[in-house]
């Protein structure tokens, strides 16, 4: 069974940093794009950052200049380094990987809480 497991969330003061990691287990699929999304209370889930299989990165405007996404293809992991955190970054963060053999599907982690206090 394919599982994505996130780690690294927690409570941090405004201006601080957190590093989120996501690893996949139970899969022999090829992995395409990887990404991080977040959902704040009462809001829709939104993309934070994505990295393609070739390493091209894209960021939400809110993340540009503060967050860095990276992937390790050998370990099948994706990491989100978050700096200069703001209270409005408070949300549950989810990783997503697009995986498959001939047909690709999206797989999601269970989410990790990030809380930024002012």
N, C-alpha and C. Protein backbone atom coordinates (compact mmCIF):
# COMPACT_ATOMS: atom_id res chain seq x y z
N UNK A 1 0.85 -1.19 0.00
CA UNK A 1 0.00 0.00 0.00
C UNK A 1 0.89 1.25 0.00
N UNK A 2 0.58 2.16 -0.90
CA UNK A 2 1.39 3.36 -1.00
C UNK A 2 1.03 4.32 0.13
N UNK A 3 2.04 4.84 0.79
CA UNK A 3 1.84 5.81 1.86
C UNK A 3 2.82 6.95 1.72
N UNK A 4 2.31 8.16 1.94
CA UNK A 4 3.16 9.33 2.04
C UNK A 4 3.13 9.79 3.48
N UNK A 5 4.28 9.94 4.07
CA UNK A 5 4.36 10.30 5.48
C UNK A 5 5.12 11.61 5.62
N UNK A 6 4.42 12.61 6.20
CA UNK A 6 5.03 13.91 6.41
C UNK A 6 5.58 14.01 7.82
N UNK A 7 6.58 14.85 7.99
CA UNK A 7 7.14 15.13 9.31
C UNK A 7 7.69 16.55 9.32
N UNK A 8 7.88 17.08 10.52
CA UNK A 8 8.54 18.37 10.66
C UNK A 8 7.64 19.52 11.03
N UNK A 9 6.34 19.30 11.13
CA UNK A 9 5.46 20.38 11.54
C UNK A 9 5.65 20.71 13.01
N UNK A 10 4.97 21.77 13.45
CA UNK A 10 5.06 22.14 14.85
C UNK A 10 4.68 23.58 15.08
N UNK A 11 5.03 24.05 16.26
CA UNK A 11 4.73 25.41 16.68
C UNK A 11 6.02 26.24 16.64
N UNK A 12 5.92 27.41 16.02
CA UNK A 12 7.09 28.27 15.91
C UNK A 12 6.64 29.72 16.01
N UNK A 13 7.51 30.57 16.49
CA UNK A 13 7.19 31.99 16.56
C UNK A 13 7.37 32.64 15.20
N UNK A 14 6.65 33.72 15.00
CA UNK A 14 6.79 34.48 13.76
C UNK A 14 8.25 34.85 13.53
N UNK A 15 8.68 34.69 12.29
CA UNK A 15 10.07 34.93 11.95
C UNK A 15 10.94 33.69 12.01
N UNK A 16 10.40 32.63 12.57
CA UNK A 16 11.16 31.40 12.71
C UNK A 16 11.12 30.54 11.45
N UNK A 17 11.69 29.34 11.57
CA UNK A 17 11.80 28.44 10.43
C UNK A 17 11.34 27.04 10.81
N UNK A 18 10.85 26.34 9.82
CA UNK A 18 10.51 24.93 9.95
C UNK A 18 10.88 24.23 8.66
N UNK A 19 11.16 22.95 8.78
CA UNK A 19 11.50 22.13 7.61
C UNK A 19 10.56 20.94 7.59
N UNK A 20 9.78 20.85 6.53
CA UNK A 20 8.87 19.73 6.36
C UNK A 20 9.47 18.72 5.41
N UNK A 21 9.26 17.45 5.72
CA UNK A 21 9.74 16.39 4.86
C UNK A 21 8.60 15.41 4.57
N UNK A 22 8.67 14.78 3.43
CA UNK A 22 7.66 13.81 3.03
C UNK A 22 8.35 12.65 2.34
N UNK A 23 8.07 11.46 2.81
CA UNK A 23 8.67 10.27 2.22
C UNK A 23 7.57 9.31 1.79
N UNK A 24 7.83 8.57 0.74
CA UNK A 24 6.86 7.60 0.23
C UNK A 24 7.36 6.19 0.56
N UNK A 25 6.41 5.36 0.92
CA UNK A 25 6.74 3.96 1.18
C UNK A 25 5.73 3.06 0.50
N UNK A 26 6.15 1.84 0.25
CA UNK A 26 5.24 0.87 -0.31
C UNK A 26 4.95 1.06 -1.79
N UNK A 27 5.85 1.76 -2.47
CA UNK A 27 5.58 2.05 -3.89
C UNK A 27 6.80 1.74 -4.73
N UNK A 28 6.52 1.15 -5.89
CA UNK A 28 7.58 0.98 -6.89
C UNK A 28 7.27 1.80 -8.13
N UNK A 29 6.31 2.69 -7.98
CA UNK A 29 5.91 3.52 -9.11
C UNK A 29 6.96 4.55 -9.45
N UNK A 30 6.92 5.03 -10.67
CA UNK A 30 7.71 6.20 -11.02
C UNK A 30 7.01 7.43 -10.45
N UNK A 31 7.81 8.41 -10.04
CA UNK A 31 7.26 9.62 -9.43
C UNK A 31 7.45 10.79 -10.37
N UNK A 32 6.38 11.48 -10.61
CA UNK A 32 6.44 12.69 -11.41
C UNK A 32 6.60 13.90 -10.52
N UNK A 33 5.64 14.78 -10.59
CA UNK A 33 5.71 16.01 -9.79
C UNK A 33 5.50 15.72 -8.31
N UNK A 34 6.13 16.54 -7.50
CA UNK A 34 5.93 16.52 -6.05
C UNK A 34 5.55 17.93 -5.62
N UNK A 35 4.78 18.02 -4.56
CA UNK A 35 4.37 19.35 -4.14
C UNK A 35 3.92 19.40 -2.70
N UNK A 36 3.81 20.63 -2.23
CA UNK A 36 3.28 20.90 -0.90
C UNK A 36 2.06 21.81 -1.03
N UNK A 37 1.05 21.48 -0.29
CA UNK A 37 -0.20 22.23 -0.26
C UNK A 37 -0.51 22.54 1.20
N UNK A 38 -1.40 23.47 1.42
CA UNK A 38 -1.81 23.76 2.79
C UNK A 38 -3.29 24.13 2.83
N UNK A 39 -3.87 23.90 3.99
CA UNK A 39 -5.27 24.24 4.20
C UNK A 39 -5.42 24.85 5.57
N UNK A 40 -5.83 26.10 5.59
CA UNK A 40 -6.09 26.79 6.85
C UNK A 40 -7.56 26.60 7.22
N UNK A 41 -7.91 26.74 8.48
CA UNK A 41 -9.30 26.56 8.90
C UNK A 41 -10.24 27.46 8.12
N UNK A 42 -11.30 26.87 7.58
CA UNK A 42 -12.29 27.63 6.86
C UNK A 42 -11.90 28.03 5.45
N UNK A 43 -10.74 27.55 5.01
CA UNK A 43 -10.27 27.91 3.66
C UNK A 43 -10.04 26.66 2.82
N UNK A 44 -9.99 26.86 1.51
CA UNK A 44 -9.71 25.76 0.61
C UNK A 44 -8.23 25.41 0.62
N UNK A 45 -7.95 24.17 0.28
CA UNK A 45 -6.57 23.76 0.15
C UNK A 45 -5.93 24.52 -1.02
N UNK A 46 -4.70 24.98 -0.81
CA UNK A 46 -4.02 25.75 -1.84
C UNK A 46 -2.60 25.24 -2.03
N UNK A 47 -2.09 25.42 -3.22
CA UNK A 47 -0.73 25.00 -3.50
C UNK A 47 0.25 25.98 -2.86
N UNK A 48 1.31 25.43 -2.32
CA UNK A 48 2.39 26.25 -1.76
C UNK A 48 3.59 26.24 -2.70
N UNK A 49 4.01 25.05 -3.10
CA UNK A 49 5.16 24.91 -3.98
C UNK A 49 5.12 23.55 -4.64
N UNK A 50 5.67 23.48 -5.85
CA UNK A 50 5.74 22.22 -6.58
C UNK A 50 7.10 22.10 -7.24
N UNK A 51 7.52 20.87 -7.43
CA UNK A 51 8.77 20.60 -8.15
C UNK A 51 8.51 19.48 -9.13
N UNK A 52 8.86 19.70 -10.37
CA UNK A 52 8.62 18.71 -11.42
C UNK A 52 9.67 17.61 -11.35
N UNK A 53 9.47 16.58 -12.15
CA UNK A 53 10.43 15.48 -12.19
C UNK A 53 11.79 15.95 -12.69
N UNK A 54 11.82 17.02 -13.45
CA UNK A 54 13.10 17.54 -13.96
C UNK A 54 13.72 18.57 -13.02
N UNK A 55 13.00 18.89 -11.93
CA UNK A 55 13.56 19.81 -10.94
C UNK A 55 13.07 21.24 -11.05
N UNK A 56 12.18 21.51 -11.98
CA UNK A 56 11.63 22.86 -12.10
C UNK A 56 10.70 23.14 -10.94
N UNK A 57 10.91 24.28 -10.30
CA UNK A 57 10.11 24.63 -9.13
C UNK A 57 9.16 25.79 -9.43
N UNK A 58 8.01 25.76 -8.79
CA UNK A 58 7.06 26.86 -8.85
C UNK A 58 6.56 27.11 -7.44
N UNK A 59 6.25 28.37 -7.16
CA UNK A 59 5.84 28.77 -5.82
C UNK A 59 4.61 29.66 -5.88
N UNK A 60 3.77 29.54 -4.86
CA UNK A 60 2.71 30.51 -4.67
C UNK A 60 3.35 31.85 -4.34
N UNK A 61 2.67 32.92 -4.68
CA UNK A 61 3.23 34.25 -4.40
C UNK A 61 3.55 34.41 -2.92
N UNK A 62 2.72 33.82 -2.08
CA UNK A 62 2.91 33.95 -0.63
C UNK A 62 4.17 33.25 -0.14
N UNK A 63 4.67 32.31 -0.95
CA UNK A 63 5.83 31.52 -0.54
C UNK A 63 7.14 32.00 -1.17
N UNK A 64 7.04 32.77 -2.21
CA UNK A 64 8.24 33.19 -2.93
C UNK A 64 9.18 33.98 -2.03
N UNK A 65 10.45 33.62 -2.08
CA UNK A 65 11.46 34.31 -1.29
C UNK A 65 11.59 33.83 0.13
N UNK A 66 10.64 33.02 0.59
CA UNK A 66 10.68 32.53 1.98
C UNK A 66 10.78 31.01 2.05
N UNK A 67 10.14 30.32 1.12
CA UNK A 67 10.09 28.85 1.14
C UNK A 67 10.94 28.29 0.00
N UNK A 68 11.50 27.12 0.23
CA UNK A 68 12.27 26.43 -0.79
C UNK A 68 11.86 24.96 -0.82
N UNK A 69 11.45 24.50 -1.99
CA UNK A 69 11.08 23.10 -2.15
C UNK A 69 12.24 22.38 -2.84
N UNK A 70 12.49 21.15 -2.41
CA UNK A 70 13.53 20.35 -3.04
C UNK A 70 13.12 18.88 -3.00
N UNK A 71 13.68 18.11 -3.89
CA UNK A 71 13.38 16.68 -3.94
C UNK A 71 14.66 15.88 -4.03
N UNK A 72 14.58 14.68 -3.48
CA UNK A 72 15.68 13.74 -3.56
C UNK A 72 15.14 12.51 -4.27
N UNK A 73 15.48 12.36 -5.52
CA UNK A 73 14.94 11.27 -6.32
C UNK A 73 15.47 9.90 -5.87
N UNK A 74 16.63 9.88 -5.29
CA UNK A 74 17.19 8.61 -4.82
C UNK A 74 16.43 8.10 -3.60
N UNK A 75 15.96 9.03 -2.78
CA UNK A 75 15.26 8.64 -1.55
C UNK A 75 13.75 8.79 -1.68
N UNK A 76 13.28 9.31 -2.83
CA UNK A 76 11.84 9.53 -3.03
C UNK A 76 11.25 10.41 -1.92
N UNK A 77 11.91 11.51 -1.69
CA UNK A 77 11.45 12.45 -0.67
C UNK A 77 11.34 13.86 -1.25
N UNK A 78 10.48 14.64 -0.61
CA UNK A 78 10.35 16.05 -0.96
C UNK A 78 10.37 16.85 0.33
N UNK A 79 11.06 17.97 0.30
CA UNK A 79 11.26 18.78 1.48
C UNK A 79 10.82 20.21 1.21
N UNK A 80 10.26 20.83 2.24
CA UNK A 80 9.89 22.24 2.15
C UNK A 80 10.57 22.98 3.30
N UNK A 81 11.52 23.81 2.96
CA UNK A 81 12.19 24.66 3.95
C UNK A 81 11.43 25.97 4.03
N UNK A 82 10.92 26.28 5.21
CA UNK A 82 10.11 27.48 5.40
C UNK A 82 10.83 28.44 6.34
N UNK A 83 11.15 29.60 5.85
CA UNK A 83 11.82 30.64 6.63
C UNK A 83 10.93 31.86 6.77
N UNK A 84 11.28 32.71 7.71
CA UNK A 84 10.52 33.96 7.91
C UNK A 84 9.03 33.69 8.01
N UNK A 85 8.67 32.72 8.81
CA UNK A 85 7.28 32.31 8.91
C UNK A 85 6.41 33.40 9.50
N UNK A 86 5.18 33.46 9.03
CA UNK A 86 4.20 34.46 9.47
C UNK A 86 2.99 33.74 10.05
N UNK A 87 2.24 34.42 10.91
CA UNK A 87 1.03 33.78 11.46
C UNK A 87 0.08 33.29 10.36
N UNK A 88 0.03 33.98 9.24
CA UNK A 88 -0.87 33.56 8.16
C UNK A 88 -0.39 32.29 7.45
N UNK A 89 0.79 31.80 7.80
CA UNK A 89 1.25 30.51 7.28
C UNK A 89 0.68 29.34 8.07
N UNK A 90 -0.01 29.63 9.15
CA UNK A 90 -0.61 28.58 9.97
C UNK A 90 -1.62 27.79 9.16
N UNK A 91 -1.43 26.49 9.12
CA UNK A 91 -2.30 25.60 8.32
C UNK A 91 -1.85 24.16 8.52
N UNK A 92 -2.65 23.26 8.00
CA UNK A 92 -2.21 21.87 7.86
C UNK A 92 -1.54 21.76 6.49
N UNK A 93 -0.32 21.26 6.47
CA UNK A 93 0.45 21.14 5.24
C UNK A 93 0.42 19.69 4.76
N UNK A 94 0.15 19.53 3.48
CA UNK A 94 0.05 18.21 2.86
C UNK A 94 1.07 18.09 1.73
N UNK A 95 1.71 16.95 1.64
CA UNK A 95 2.52 16.70 0.46
C UNK A 95 1.72 15.87 -0.54
N UNK A 96 2.05 16.05 -1.77
CA UNK A 96 1.41 15.31 -2.86
C UNK A 96 2.46 14.84 -3.83
N UNK A 97 2.31 13.60 -4.26
CA UNK A 97 3.19 13.06 -5.30
C UNK A 97 2.33 12.44 -6.39
N UNK A 98 2.70 12.69 -7.61
CA UNK A 98 2.02 12.10 -8.75
C UNK A 98 2.83 10.89 -9.17
N UNK A 99 2.21 9.71 -9.07
CA UNK A 99 2.97 8.47 -9.27
C UNK A 99 2.19 7.52 -10.16
N UNK A 100 2.93 6.62 -10.78
CA UNK A 100 2.28 5.58 -11.57
C UNK A 100 3.27 4.79 -12.37
N UNK A 101 2.71 3.87 -13.14
CA UNK A 101 3.57 3.09 -14.02
C UNK A 101 3.24 3.43 -15.48
N UNK A 102 1.98 3.31 -15.85
CA UNK A 102 1.54 3.76 -17.17
C UNK A 102 0.53 4.89 -17.04
N UNK A 103 -0.28 4.79 -16.01
CA UNK A 103 -1.24 5.85 -15.70
C UNK A 103 -0.84 6.45 -14.35
N UNK A 104 -0.76 7.76 -14.29
CA UNK A 104 -0.32 8.43 -13.07
C UNK A 104 -1.51 8.94 -12.27
N UNK A 105 -1.39 8.84 -10.95
CA UNK A 105 -2.42 9.34 -10.04
C UNK A 105 -1.75 10.17 -8.95
N UNK A 106 -2.58 11.00 -8.32
CA UNK A 106 -2.09 11.81 -7.20
C UNK A 106 -2.24 11.06 -5.88
N UNK A 107 -1.20 11.11 -5.09
CA UNK A 107 -1.20 10.51 -3.75
C UNK A 107 -0.90 11.62 -2.74
N UNK A 108 -1.63 11.58 -1.63
CA UNK A 108 -1.52 12.63 -0.62
C UNK A 108 -1.04 12.05 0.71
N UNK A 109 -0.30 12.88 1.43
CA UNK A 109 0.03 12.53 2.80
C UNK A 109 -1.13 12.86 3.73
N UNK A 110 -0.96 12.54 5.01
CA UNK A 110 -2.03 12.73 5.97
C UNK A 110 -2.08 14.15 6.52
N UNK A 111 -1.05 14.91 6.28
CA UNK A 111 -1.01 16.30 6.72
C UNK A 111 -0.22 16.47 8.01
N UNK A 112 0.42 17.62 8.12
CA UNK A 112 1.15 17.96 9.34
C UNK A 112 0.83 19.41 9.70
N UNK A 113 0.56 19.63 10.98
CA UNK A 113 0.14 20.96 11.42
C UNK A 113 1.34 21.89 11.58
N UNK A 114 1.20 23.08 11.02
CA UNK A 114 2.18 24.15 11.23
C UNK A 114 1.44 25.31 11.87
N UNK A 115 1.91 25.73 13.03
CA UNK A 115 1.30 26.85 13.74
C UNK A 115 2.36 27.91 13.99
N UNK A 116 2.07 29.12 13.55
CA UNK A 116 3.01 30.23 13.72
C UNK A 116 2.36 31.24 14.66
N UNK A 117 2.99 31.46 15.78
CA UNK A 117 2.45 32.40 16.77
C UNK A 117 3.04 33.79 16.55
N UNK A 118 2.22 34.78 16.86
CA UNK A 118 2.67 36.18 16.66
C UNK A 118 3.38 36.71 17.89
